[in-house]
């Protein structure tokens, strides 16, 4: 793989929607990390927390906590809002959210 240009060096990004190591959001996170971005991650419930934590660790990312975009209270919660402001300031948010019905 060619050496990264550092296009995102000094930038921060919040990644939502990582479900596992095959998620679109995870691919975006890895690409941003290769370009020098500092990343933070959210997860949706304890089952995803167990998957997101090791992935975030792989790229030196910070796990902010639970965020479910179908529950506005989690986006507006004081804890999430403080963490988002502290980490991002004027940074970027990446959301690669999908739903797969097996029925």
PDB file of N, CA and C in Angstrom:
ATOM      1  N   UNK A   1       0.840  -1.176   0.000  1.00  0.00           N
ATOM      2  CA  UNK A   1       0.000   0.000   0.000  1.00  0.00           C
ATOM      3  C   UNK A   1       0.887   1.241   0.000  1.00  0.00           C
ATOM      4  N   UNK A   2       0.565   2.253  -0.813  1.00  0.00           N
ATOM      5  CA  UNK A   2       1.364   3.471  -0.854  1.00  0.00           C
ATOM      6  C   UNK A   2       1.319   4.207   0.478  1.00  0.00           C
ATOM      7  N   UNK A   3       2.381   4.928   0.747  1.00  0.00           N
ATOM      8  CA  UNK A   3       2.444   5.692   1.997  1.00  0.00           C
ATOM      9  C   UNK A   3       1.385   6.781   1.995  1.00  0.00           C
ATOM     10  N   UNK A   4       0.770   6.984   3.139  1.00  0.00           N
ATOM     11  CA  UNK A   4      -0.288   7.988   3.277  1.00  0.00           C
ATOM     12  C   UNK A   4       0.306   9.389   3.155  1.00  0.00           C
ATOM     13  N   UNK A   5      -0.485  10.294   2.614  1.00  0.00           N
ATOM     14  CA  UNK A   5      -0.023  11.668   2.428  1.00  0.00           C
ATOM     15  C   UNK A   5      -0.203  12.512   3.679  1.00  0.00           C
ATOM     16  N   UNK A   6      -0.962  12.021   4.649  1.00  0.00           N
ATOM     17  CA  UNK A   6      -1.207  12.809   5.846  1.00  0.00           C
ATOM     18  C   UNK A   6      -2.229  13.909   5.613  1.00  0.00           C
ATOM     19  N   UNK A   7      -3.070  13.720   4.623  1.00  0.00           N
ATOM     20  CA  UNK A   7      -4.086  14.704   4.272  1.00  0.00           C
ATOM     21  C   UNK A   7      -4.953  15.114   5.465  1.00  0.00           C
ATOM     22  N   UNK A   8      -5.204  14.178   6.389  1.00  0.00           N
ATOM     23  CA  UNK A   8      -6.068  14.467   7.536  1.00  0.00           C
ATOM     24  C   UNK A   8      -5.293  14.655   8.843  1.00  0.00           C
ATOM     25  N   UNK A   9      -3.990  14.804   8.758  1.00  0.00           N
ATOM     26  CA  UNK A   9      -3.174  15.015   9.959  1.00  0.00           C
ATOM     27  C   UNK A   9      -3.653  16.258  10.697  1.00  0.00           C
ATOM     28  N   UNK A  10      -3.858  16.106  12.007  1.00  0.00           N
ATOM     29  CA  UNK A  10      -4.342  17.217  12.817  1.00  0.00           C
ATOM     30  C   UNK A  10      -5.860  17.355  12.830  1.00  0.00           C
ATOM     31  N   UNK A  11      -6.544  16.523  12.082  1.00  0.00           N
ATOM     32  CA  UNK A  11      -8.008  16.559  12.032  1.00  0.00           C
ATOM     33  C   UNK A  11      -8.568  15.469  12.938  1.00  0.00           C
ATOM     34  N   UNK A  12      -9.783  15.670  13.383  1.00  0.00           N
ATOM     35  CA  UNK A  12     -10.474  14.700  14.228  1.00  0.00           C
ATOM     36  C   UNK A  12     -11.791  14.315  13.580  1.00  0.00           C
ATOM     37  N   UNK A  13     -12.204  13.081  13.803  1.00  0.00           N
ATOM     38  CA  UNK A  13     -13.467  12.627  13.251  1.00  0.00           C
ATOM     39  C   UNK A  13     -14.193  11.718  14.217  1.00  0.00           C
ATOM     40  N   UNK A  14     -15.502  11.829  14.230  1.00  0.00           N
ATOM     41  CA  UNK A  14     -16.353  10.972  15.048  1.00  0.00           C
ATOM     42  C   UNK A  14     -17.015   9.970  14.118  1.00  0.00           C
ATOM     43  N   UNK A  15     -16.829   8.692  14.382  1.00  0.00           N
ATOM     44  CA  UNK A  15     -17.330   7.626  13.524  1.00  0.00           C
ATOM     45  C   UNK A  15     -18.510   6.949  14.207  1.00  0.00           C
ATOM     46  N   UNK A  16     -19.656   6.959  13.538  1.00  0.00           N
ATOM     47  CA  UNK A  16     -20.854   6.268  14.007  1.00  0.00           C
ATOM     48  C   UNK A  16     -21.143   5.121  13.052  1.00  0.00           C
ATOM     49  N   UNK A  17     -21.692   4.055  13.549  1.00  0.00           N
ATOM     50  CA  UNK A  17     -22.186   3.000  12.679  1.00  0.00           C
ATOM     51  C   UNK A  17     -21.257   1.839  12.439  1.00  0.00           C
ATOM     52  N   UNK A  18     -20.166   1.718  13.200  1.00  0.00           N
ATOM     53  CA  UNK A  18     -19.309   0.543  13.043  1.00  0.00           C
ATOM     54  C   UNK A  18     -20.000  -0.641  13.712  1.00  0.00           C
ATOM     55  N   UNK A  19     -20.251  -1.665  12.937  1.00  0.00           N
ATOM     56  CA  UNK A  19     -20.870  -2.886  13.478  1.00  0.00           C
ATOM     57  C   UNK A  19     -19.840  -3.985  13.649  1.00  0.00           C
ATOM     58  N   UNK A  20     -18.870  -4.030  12.730  1.00  0.00           N
ATOM     59  CA  UNK A  20     -17.816  -5.048  12.783  1.00  0.00           C
ATOM     60  C   UNK A  20     -16.709  -4.635  11.818  1.00  0.00           C
ATOM     61  N   UNK A  21     -15.740  -5.518  11.626  1.00  0.00           N
ATOM     62  CA  UNK A  21     -14.597  -5.171  10.781  1.00  0.00           C
ATOM     63  C   UNK A  21     -14.918  -5.192   9.282  1.00  0.00           C
ATOM     64  N   UNK A  22     -16.150  -5.488   8.918  1.00  0.00           N
ATOM     65  CA  UNK A  22     -16.586  -5.440   7.521  1.00  0.00           C
ATOM     66  C   UNK A  22     -17.514  -4.260   7.239  1.00  0.00           C
ATOM     67  N   UNK A  23     -17.734  -3.425   8.231  1.00  0.00           N
ATOM     68  CA  UNK A  23     -18.632  -2.270   8.088  1.00  0.00           C
ATOM     69  C   UNK A  23     -18.025  -1.194   7.197  1.00  0.00           C
ATOM     70  N   UNK A  24     -18.887  -0.543   6.432  1.00  0.00           N
ATOM     71  CA  UNK A  24     -18.459   0.604   5.644  1.00  0.00           C
ATOM     72  C   UNK A  24     -17.820   1.661   6.549  1.00  0.00           C
ATOM     73  N   UNK A  25     -18.428   1.901   7.704  1.00  0.00           N
ATOM     74  CA  UNK A  25     -17.889   2.903   8.644  1.00  0.00           C
ATOM     75  C   UNK A  25     -16.479   2.525   9.097  1.00  0.00           C
ATOM     76  N   UNK A  26     -16.211   1.232   9.261  1.00  0.00           N
ATOM     77  CA  UNK A  26     -14.868   0.796   9.664  1.00  0.00           C
ATOM     78  C   UNK A  26     -13.873   1.039   8.532  1.00  0.00           C
ATOM     79  N   UNK A  27     -14.275   0.777   7.299  1.00  0.00           N
ATOM     80  CA  UNK A  27     -13.407   1.063   6.154  1.00  0.00           C
ATOM     81  C   UNK A  27     -13.067   2.539   6.059  1.00  0.00           C
ATOM     82  N   UNK A  28     -14.065   3.379   6.298  1.00  0.00           N
ATOM     83  CA  UNK A  28     -13.840   4.829   6.290  1.00  0.00           C
ATOM     84  C   UNK A  28     -12.890   5.217   7.423  1.00  0.00           C
ATOM     85  N   UNK A  29     -13.108   4.631   8.592  1.00  0.00           N
ATOM     86  CA  UNK A  29     -12.253   4.933   9.748  1.00  0.00           C
ATOM     87  C   UNK A  29     -10.803   4.564   9.465  1.00  0.00           C
ATOM     88  N   UNK A  30     -10.575   3.389   8.894  1.00  0.00           N
ATOM     89  CA  UNK A  30      -9.199   2.965   8.589  1.00  0.00           C
ATOM     90  C   UNK A  30      -8.546   3.908   7.577  1.00  0.00           C
ATOM     91  N   UNK A  31      -9.304   4.307   6.563  1.00  0.00           N
ATOM     92  CA  UNK A  31      -8.762   5.232   5.559  1.00  0.00           C
ATOM     93  C   UNK A  31      -8.411   6.581   6.190  1.00  0.00           C
ATOM     94  N   UNK A  32      -9.288   7.088   7.047  1.00  0.00           N
ATOM     95  CA  UNK A  32      -9.024   8.360   7.735  1.00  0.00           C
ATOM     96  C   UNK A  32      -7.800   8.242   8.634  1.00  0.00           C
ATOM     97  N   UNK A  33      -7.689   7.134   9.340  1.00  0.00           N
ATOM     98  CA  UNK A  33      -6.537   6.902  10.219  1.00  0.00           C
ATOM     99  C   UNK A  33      -5.240   6.869   9.403  1.00  0.00           C
ATOM    100  N   UNK A  34      -5.254   6.187   8.262  1.00  0.00           N
ATOM    101  CA  UNK A  34      -4.056   6.122   7.410  1.00  0.00           C
ATOM    102  C   UNK A  34      -3.629   7.506   6.947  1.00  0.00           C
ATOM    103  N   UNK A  35      -4.587   8.417   6.846  1.00  0.00           N
ATOM    104  CA  UNK A  35      -4.277   9.786   6.423  1.00  0.00           C
ATOM    105  C   UNK A  35      -3.965  10.706   7.598  1.00  0.00           C
ATOM    106  N   UNK A  36      -3.895  10.135   8.806  1.00  0.00           N
ATOM    107  CA  UNK A  36      -3.456  10.906   9.963  1.00  0.00           C
ATOM    108  C   UNK A  36      -4.535  11.431  10.887  1.00  0.00           C
ATOM    109  N   UNK A  37      -5.799  11.105  10.636  1.00  0.00           N
ATOM    110  CA  UNK A  37      -6.880  11.616  11.482  1.00  0.00           C
ATOM    111  C   UNK A  37      -6.883  10.942  12.850  1.00  0.00           C
ATOM    112  N   UNK A  38      -7.285  11.699  13.845  1.00  0.00           N
ATOM    113  CA  UNK A  38      -7.530  11.189  15.197  1.00  0.00           C
ATOM    114  C   UNK A  38      -9.022  10.881  15.271  1.00  0.00           C
ATOM    115  N   UNK A  39      -9.372   9.665  15.731  1.00  0.00           N
ATOM    116  CA  UNK A  39     -10.755   9.206  15.635  1.00  0.00           C
ATOM    117  C   UNK A  39     -11.385   8.896  16.978  1.00  0.00           C
ATOM    118  N   UNK A  40     -12.679   9.098  17.029  1.00  0.00           N
ATOM    119  CA  UNK A  40     -13.500   8.673  18.165  1.00  0.00           C
ATOM    120  C   UNK A  40     -14.661   7.870  17.585  1.00  0.00           C
ATOM    121  N   UNK A  41     -15.172   6.940  18.377  1.00  0.00           N
ATOM    122  CA  UNK A  41     -16.213   6.027  17.916  1.00  0.00           C
ATOM    123  C   UNK A  41     -17.373   5.993  18.901  1.00  0.00           C
ATOM    124  N   UNK A  42     -18.551   5.716  18.373  1.00  0.00           N
ATOM    125  CA  UNK A  42     -19.704   5.407  19.204  1.00  0.00           C
ATOM    126  C   UNK A  42     -20.117   3.976  18.898  1.00  0.00           C
ATOM    127  N   UNK A  43     -20.985   3.451  19.709  1.00  0.00           N
ATOM    128  CA  UNK A  43     -21.525   2.118  19.470  1.00  0.00           C
ATOM    129  C   UNK A  43     -23.003   2.132  19.818  1.00  0.00           C
ATOM    130  N   UNK A  44     -23.716   1.143  19.326  1.00  0.00           N
ATOM    131  CA  UNK A  44     -25.157   1.036  19.574  1.00  0.00           C
ATOM    132  C   UNK A  44     -25.402  -0.195  20.438  1.00  0.00           C
ATOM    133  N   UNK A  45     -25.407  -0.010  21.744  1.00  0.00           N
ATOM    134  CA  UNK A  45     -25.681  -1.101  22.676  1.00  0.00           C
ATOM    135  C   UNK A  45     -24.452  -1.923  23.019  1.00  0.00           C
ATOM    136  N   UNK A  46     -24.591  -2.731  24.074  1.00  0.00           N
ATOM    137  CA  UNK A  46     -23.462  -3.500  24.597  1.00  0.00           C
ATOM    138  C   UNK A  46     -22.905  -4.524  23.618  1.00  0.00           C
ATOM    139  N   UNK A  47     -23.749  -5.121  22.799  1.00  0.00           N
ATOM    140  CA  UNK A  47     -23.253  -6.114  21.837  1.00  0.00           C
ATOM    141  C   UNK A  47     -22.265  -5.469  20.864  1.00  0.00           C
ATOM    142  N   UNK A  48     -22.573  -4.258  20.403  1.00  0.00           N
ATOM    143  CA  UNK A  48     -21.672  -3.562  19.491  1.00  0.00           C
ATOM    144  C   UNK A  48     -20.464  -2.991  20.223  1.00  0.00           C
ATOM    145  N   UNK A  49     -20.630  -2.629  21.476  1.00  0.00           N
ATOM    146  CA  UNK A  49     -19.503  -2.112  22.262  1.00  0.00           C
ATOM    147  C   UNK A  49     -18.366  -3.117  22.256  1.00  0.00           C
ATOM    148  N   UNK A  50     -18.688  -4.390  22.421  1.00  0.00           N
ATOM    149  CA  UNK A  50     -17.674  -5.447  22.452  1.00  0.00           C
ATOM    150  C   UNK A  50     -16.941  -5.566  21.117  1.00  0.00           C
ATOM    151  N   UNK A  51     -17.593  -5.171  20.041  1.00  0.00           N
ATOM    152  CA  UNK A  51     -16.958  -5.220  18.715  1.00  0.00           C
ATOM    153  C   UNK A  51     -16.186  -3.945  18.403  1.00  0.00           C
ATOM    154  N   UNK A  52     -16.741  -2.812  18.819  1.00  0.00           N
ATOM    155  CA  UNK A  52     -16.142  -1.521  18.480  1.00  0.00           C
ATOM    156  C   UNK A  52     -14.871  -1.246  19.277  1.00  0.00           C
ATOM    157  N   UNK A  53     -14.857  -1.603  20.546  1.00  0.00           N
ATOM    158  CA  UNK A  53     -13.686  -1.291  21.385  1.00  0.00           C
ATOM    159  C   UNK A  53     -12.370  -1.818  20.812  1.00  0.00           C
ATOM    160  N   UNK A  54     -12.281  -3.091  20.416  1.00  0.00           N
ATOM    161  CA  UNK A  54     -10.994  -3.540  19.862  1.00  0.00           C
ATOM    162  C   UNK A  54     -10.652  -2.887  18.524  1.00  0.00           C
ATOM    163  N   UNK A  55     -11.657  -2.570  17.725  1.00  0.00           N
ATOM    164  CA  UNK A  55     -11.391  -1.895  16.452  1.00  0.00           C
ATOM    165  C   UNK A  55     -10.867  -0.486  16.702  1.00  0.00           C
ATOM    166  N   UNK A  56     -11.505   0.227  17.622  1.00  0.00           N
ATOM    167  CA  UNK A  56     -11.045   1.580  17.958  1.00  0.00           C
ATOM    168  C   UNK A  56      -9.609   1.534  18.480  1.00  0.00           C
ATOM    169  N   UNK A  57      -9.315   0.543  19.284  1.00  0.00           N
ATOM    170  CA  UNK A  57      -7.964   0.392  19.827  1.00  0.00           C
ATOM    171  C   UNK A  57      -6.950   0.170  18.699  1.00  0.00           C
ATOM    172  N   UNK A  58      -7.366  -0.551  17.680  1.00  0.00           N
ATOM    173  CA  UNK A  58      -6.490  -0.844  16.540  1.00  0.00           C
ATOM    174  C   UNK A  58      -5.988   0.425  15.849  1.00  0.00           C
ATOM    175  N   UNK A  59      -6.801   1.478  15.858  1.00  0.00           N
ATOM    176  CA  UNK A  59      -6.408   2.739  15.218  1.00  0.00           C
ATOM    177  C   UNK A  59      -6.127   3.838  16.246  1.00  0.00           C
ATOM    178  N   UNK A  60      -5.980   3.439  17.508  1.00  0.00           N
ATOM    179  CA  UNK A  60      -5.695   4.418  18.554  1.00  0.00           C
ATOM    180  C   UNK A  60      -6.853   5.357  18.817  1.00  0.00           C
ATOM    181  N   UNK A  61      -8.074   4.891  18.569  1.00  0.00           N
ATOM    182  CA  UNK A  61      -9.256   5.732  18.714  1.00  0.00           C
ATOM    183  C   UNK A  61      -9.829   5.743  20.113  1.00  0.00           C
ATOM    184  N   UNK A  62     -10.653   6.717  20.365  1.00  0.00           N
ATOM    185  CA  UNK A  62     -11.350   6.903  21.631  1.00  0.00           C
ATOM    186  C   UNK A  62     -12.781   6.407  21.462  1.00  0.00           C
ATOM    187  N   UNK A  63     -13.266   5.615  22.399  1.00  0.00           N
ATOM    188  CA  UNK A  63     -14.662   5.181  22.374  1.00  0.00           C
ATOM    189  C   UNK A  63     -15.448   6.122  23.280  1.00  0.00           C
ATOM    190  N   UNK A  64     -16.350   6.889  22.682  1.00  0.00           N
ATOM    191  CA  UNK A  64     -17.123   7.888  23.425  1.00  0.00           C
ATOM    192  C   UNK A  64     -18.269   7.255  24.198  1.00  0.00           C
ATOM    193  N   UNK A  65     -18.977   6.327  23.582  1.00  0.00           N
ATOM    194  CA  UNK A  65     -20.080   5.692  24.280  1.00  0.00           C
ATOM    195  C   UNK A  65     -21.226   5.342  23.354  1.00  0.00           C
ATOM    196  N   UNK A  66     -22.320   4.987  23.979  1.00  0.00           N
ATOM    197  CA  UNK A  66     -23.526   4.547  23.272  1.00  0.00           C
ATOM    198  C   UNK A  66     -24.173   5.713  22.538  1.00  0.00           C
ATOM    199  N   UNK A  67     -24.540   5.472  21.284  1.00  0.00           N
ATOM    200  CA  UNK A  67     -25.303   6.437  20.504  1.00  0.00           C
ATOM    201  C   UNK A  67     -26.146   5.654  19.514  1.00  0.00           C
ATOM    202  N   UNK A  68     -27.449   5.798  19.619  1.00  0.00           N
ATOM    203  CA  UNK A  68     -28.385   5.132  18.718  1.00  0.00           C
ATOM    204  C   UNK A  68     -29.164   6.225  18.001  1.00  0.00           C
ATOM    205  N   UNK A  69     -28.936   6.381  16.710  1.00  0.00           N
ATOM    206  CA  UNK A  69     -29.569   7.481  15.982  1.00  0.00           C
ATOM    207  C   UNK A  69     -31.083   7.345  15.903  1.00  0.00           C
ATOM    208  N   UNK A  70     -31.617   6.177  16.233  1.00  0.00           N
ATOM    209  CA  UNK A  70     -33.076   6.024  16.272  1.00  0.00           C
ATOM    210  C   UNK A  70     -33.643   6.478  17.609  1.00  0.00           C
ATOM    211  N   UNK A  71     -32.763   6.827  18.552  1.00  0.00           N
ATOM    212  CA  UNK A  71     -33.160   7.337  19.864  1.00  0.00           C
ATOM    213  C   UNK A  71     -32.554   8.731  20.040  1.00  0.00           C
ATOM    214  N   UNK A  72     -33.282   9.789  19.677  1.00  0.00           N
ATOM    215  CA  UNK A  72     -32.729  11.138  19.746  1.00  0.00           C
ATOM    216  C   UNK A  72     -32.116  11.493  21.098  1.00  0.00           C
ATOM    217  N   UNK A  73     -32.627  10.918  22.163  1.00  0.00           N
ATOM    218  CA  UNK A  73     -32.077  11.208  23.485  1.00  0.00           C
ATOM    219  C   UNK A  73     -30.614  10.850  23.616  1.00  0.00           C
ATOM    220  N   UNK A  74     -30.166   9.821  22.898  1.00  0.00           N
ATOM    221  CA  UNK A  74     -28.749   9.437  23.004  1.00  0.00           C
ATOM    222  C   UNK A  74     -27.859  10.432  22.270  1.00  0.00           C
ATOM    223  N   UNK A  75     -28.378  11.041  21.221  1.00  0.00           N
ATOM    224  CA  UNK A  75     -27.602  12.041  20.486  1.00  0.00           C
ATOM    225  C   UNK A  75     -27.540  13.340  21.276  1.00  0.00           C
ATOM    226  N   UNK A  76     -28.630  13.669  21.943  1.00  0.00           N
ATOM    227  CA  UNK A  76     -28.721  14.920  22.684  1.00  0.00           C
ATOM    228  C   UNK A  76     -28.261  14.813  24.136  1.00  0.00           C
ATOM    229  N   UNK A  77     -27.895  13.625  24.576  1.00  0.00           N
ATOM    230  CA  UNK A  77     -27.525  13.453  25.985  1.00  0.00           C
ATOM    231  C   UNK A  77     -26.359  14.362  26.350  1.00  0.00           C
ATOM    232  N   UNK A  78     -26.361  14.809  27.572  1.00  0.00           N
ATOM    233  CA  UNK A  78     -25.312  15.721  28.044  1.00  0.00           C
ATOM    234  C   UNK A  78     -23.929  15.082  27.905  1.00  0.00           C
ATOM    235  N   UNK A  79     -23.820  13.808  28.257  1.00  0.00           N
ATOM    236  CA  UNK A  79     -22.516  13.133  28.191  1.00  0.00           C
ATOM    237  C   UNK A  79     -21.999  13.071  26.754  1.00  0.00           C
ATOM    238  N   UNK A  80     -22.857  12.664  25.833  1.00  0.00           N
ATOM    239  CA  UNK A  80     -22.449  12.551  24.440  1.00  0.00           C
ATOM    240  C   UNK A  80     -22.124  13.926  23.868  1.00  0.00           C
ATOM    241  N   UNK A  81     -22.936  14.907  24.174  1.00  0.00           N
ATOM    242  CA  UNK A  81     -22.709  16.260  23.651  1.00  0.00           C
ATOM    243  C   UNK A  81     -21.395  16.843  24.146  1.00  0.00           C
ATOM    244  N   UNK A  82     -21.093  16.663  25.437  1.00  0.00           N
ATOM    245  CA  UNK A  82     -19.818  17.163  25.979  1.00  0.00           C
ATOM    246  C   UNK A  82     -18.641  16.483  25.306  1.00  0.00           C
ATOM    247  N   UNK A  83     -18.707  15.161  25.172  1.00  0.00           N
ATOM    248  CA  UNK A  83     -17.616  14.410  24.546  1.00  0.00           C
ATOM    249  C   UNK A  83     -17.448  14.831  23.091  1.00  0.00           C
ATOM    250  N   UNK A  84     -18.559  14.994  22.402  1.00  0.00           N
ATOM    251  CA  UNK A  84     -18.516  15.385  20.988  1.00  0.00           C
ATOM    252  C   UNK A  84     -17.858  16.758  20.849  1.00  0.00           C
ATOM    253  N   UNK A  85     -18.259  17.709  21.676  1.00  0.00           N
ATOM    254  CA  UNK A  85     -17.671  19.058  21.608  1.00  0.00           C
ATOM    255  C   UNK A  85     -16.199  19.037  21.973  1.00  0.00           C
ATOM    256  N   UNK A  86     -15.857  18.304  23.040  1.00  0.00           N
ATOM    257  CA  UNK A  86     -14.467  18.252  23.487  1.00  0.00           C
ATOM    258  C   UNK A  86     -13.577  17.611  22.432  1.00  0.00           C
ATOM    259  N   UNK A  87     -14.056  16.545  21.843  1.00  0.00           N
ATOM    260  CA  UNK A  87     -13.227  15.834  20.883  1.00  0.00           C
ATOM    261  C   UNK A  87     -13.207  16.516  19.522  1.00  0.00           C
ATOM    262  N   UNK A  88     -14.361  16.942  19.055  1.00  0.00           N
ATOM    263  CA  UNK A  88     -14.453  17.438  17.684  1.00  0.00           C
ATOM    264  C   UNK A  88     -14.217  18.928  17.516  1.00  0.00           C
ATOM    265  N   UNK A  89     -14.788  19.741  18.372  1.00  0.00           N
ATOM    266  CA  UNK A  89     -14.770  21.168  18.087  1.00  0.00           C
ATOM    267  C   UNK A  89     -15.475  21.383  16.760  1.00  0.00           C
ATOM    268  N   UNK A  90     -14.730  21.734  15.738  1.00  0.00           N
ATOM    269  CA  UNK A  90     -15.285  21.931  14.395  1.00  0.00           C
ATOM    270  C   UNK A  90     -14.946  20.754  13.483  1.00  0.00           C
ATOM    271  N   UNK A  91     -14.787  19.566  14.042  1.00  0.00           N
ATOM    272  CA  UNK A  91     -14.377  18.396  13.269  1.00  0.00           C
ATOM    273  C   UNK A  91     -15.477  17.785  12.437  1.00  0.00           C
ATOM    274  N   UNK A  92     -15.230  16.563  12.015  1.00  0.00           N
ATOM    275  CA  UNK A  92     -16.133  15.856  11.121  1.00  0.00           C
ATOM    276  C   UNK A  92     -16.855  14.734  11.833  1.00  0.00           C
ATOM    277  N   UNK A  93     -18.025  14.397  11.329  1.00  0.00           N
ATOM    278  CA  UNK A  93     -18.780  13.240  11.809  1.00  0.00           C
ATOM    279  C   UNK A  93     -19.030  12.337  10.610  1.00  0.00           C
ATOM    280  N   UNK A  94     -18.697  11.066  10.752  1.00  0.00           N
ATOM    281  CA  UNK A  94     -18.964  10.089   9.707  1.00  0.00           C
ATOM    282  C   UNK A  94     -20.022   9.131  10.226  1.00  0.00           C
ATOM    283  N   UNK A  95     -21.089   9.027   9.510  1.00  0.00           N
ATOM    284  CA  UNK A  95     -22.129   8.061   9.864  1.00  0.00           C
ATOM    285  C   UNK A  95     -22.375   7.139   8.689  1.00  0.00           C
ATOM    286  N   UNK A  96     -22.090   5.887   8.864  1.00  0.00           N
ATOM    287  CA  UNK A  96     -22.362   4.901   7.820  1.00  0.00           C
ATOM    288  C   UNK A  96     -23.362   3.932   8.443  1.00  0.00           C
ATOM    289  N   UNK A  97     -24.608   4.279   8.358  1.00  0.00           N
ATOM    290  CA  UNK A  97     -25.638   3.552   9.063  1.00  0.00           C
ATOM    291  C   UNK A  97     -26.479   2.752   8.077  1.00  0.00           C
ATOM    292  N   UNK A  98     -26.767   1.548   8.440  1.00  0.00           N
ATOM    293  CA  UNK A  98     -27.611   0.724   7.578  1.00  0.00           C
ATOM    294  C   UNK A  98     -28.429  -0.218   8.441  1.00  0.00           C
ATOM    295  N   UNK A  99     -29.391  -0.825   7.803  1.00  0.00           N
ATOM    296  CA  UNK A  99     -30.223  -1.788   8.510  1.00  0.00           C
ATOM    297  C   UNK A  99     -30.426  -2.972   7.591  1.00  0.00           C
ATOM    298  N   UNK A 100     -30.293  -4.130   8.150  1.00  0.00           N
ATOM    299  CA  UNK A 100     -30.454  -5.344   7.371  1.00  0.00           C
ATOM    300  C   UNK A 100     -31.572  -6.178   7.995  1.00  0.00           C
ATOM    301  N   UNK A 101     -32.655  -6.337   7.279  1.00  0.00           N
ATOM    302  CA  UNK A 101     -33.753  -7.180   7.748  1.00  0.00           C
ATOM    303  C   UNK A 101     -33.585  -8.571   7.186  1.00  0.00           C
ATOM    304  N   UNK A 102     -33.706  -9.564   8.045  1.00  0.00           N
ATOM    305  CA  UNK A 102     -33.514 -10.938   7.606  1.00  0.00           C
ATOM    306  C   UNK A 102     -34.834 -11.640   7.355  1.00  0.00           C
ATOM    307  N   UNK A 103     -35.940 -10.911   7.379  1.00  0.00           N
ATOM    308  CA  UNK A 103     -37.258 -11.516   7.243  1.00  0.00           C
ATOM    309  C   UNK A 103     -37.682 -11.627   5.863  1.00  0.00           C
TER     310      UNK A 103
END
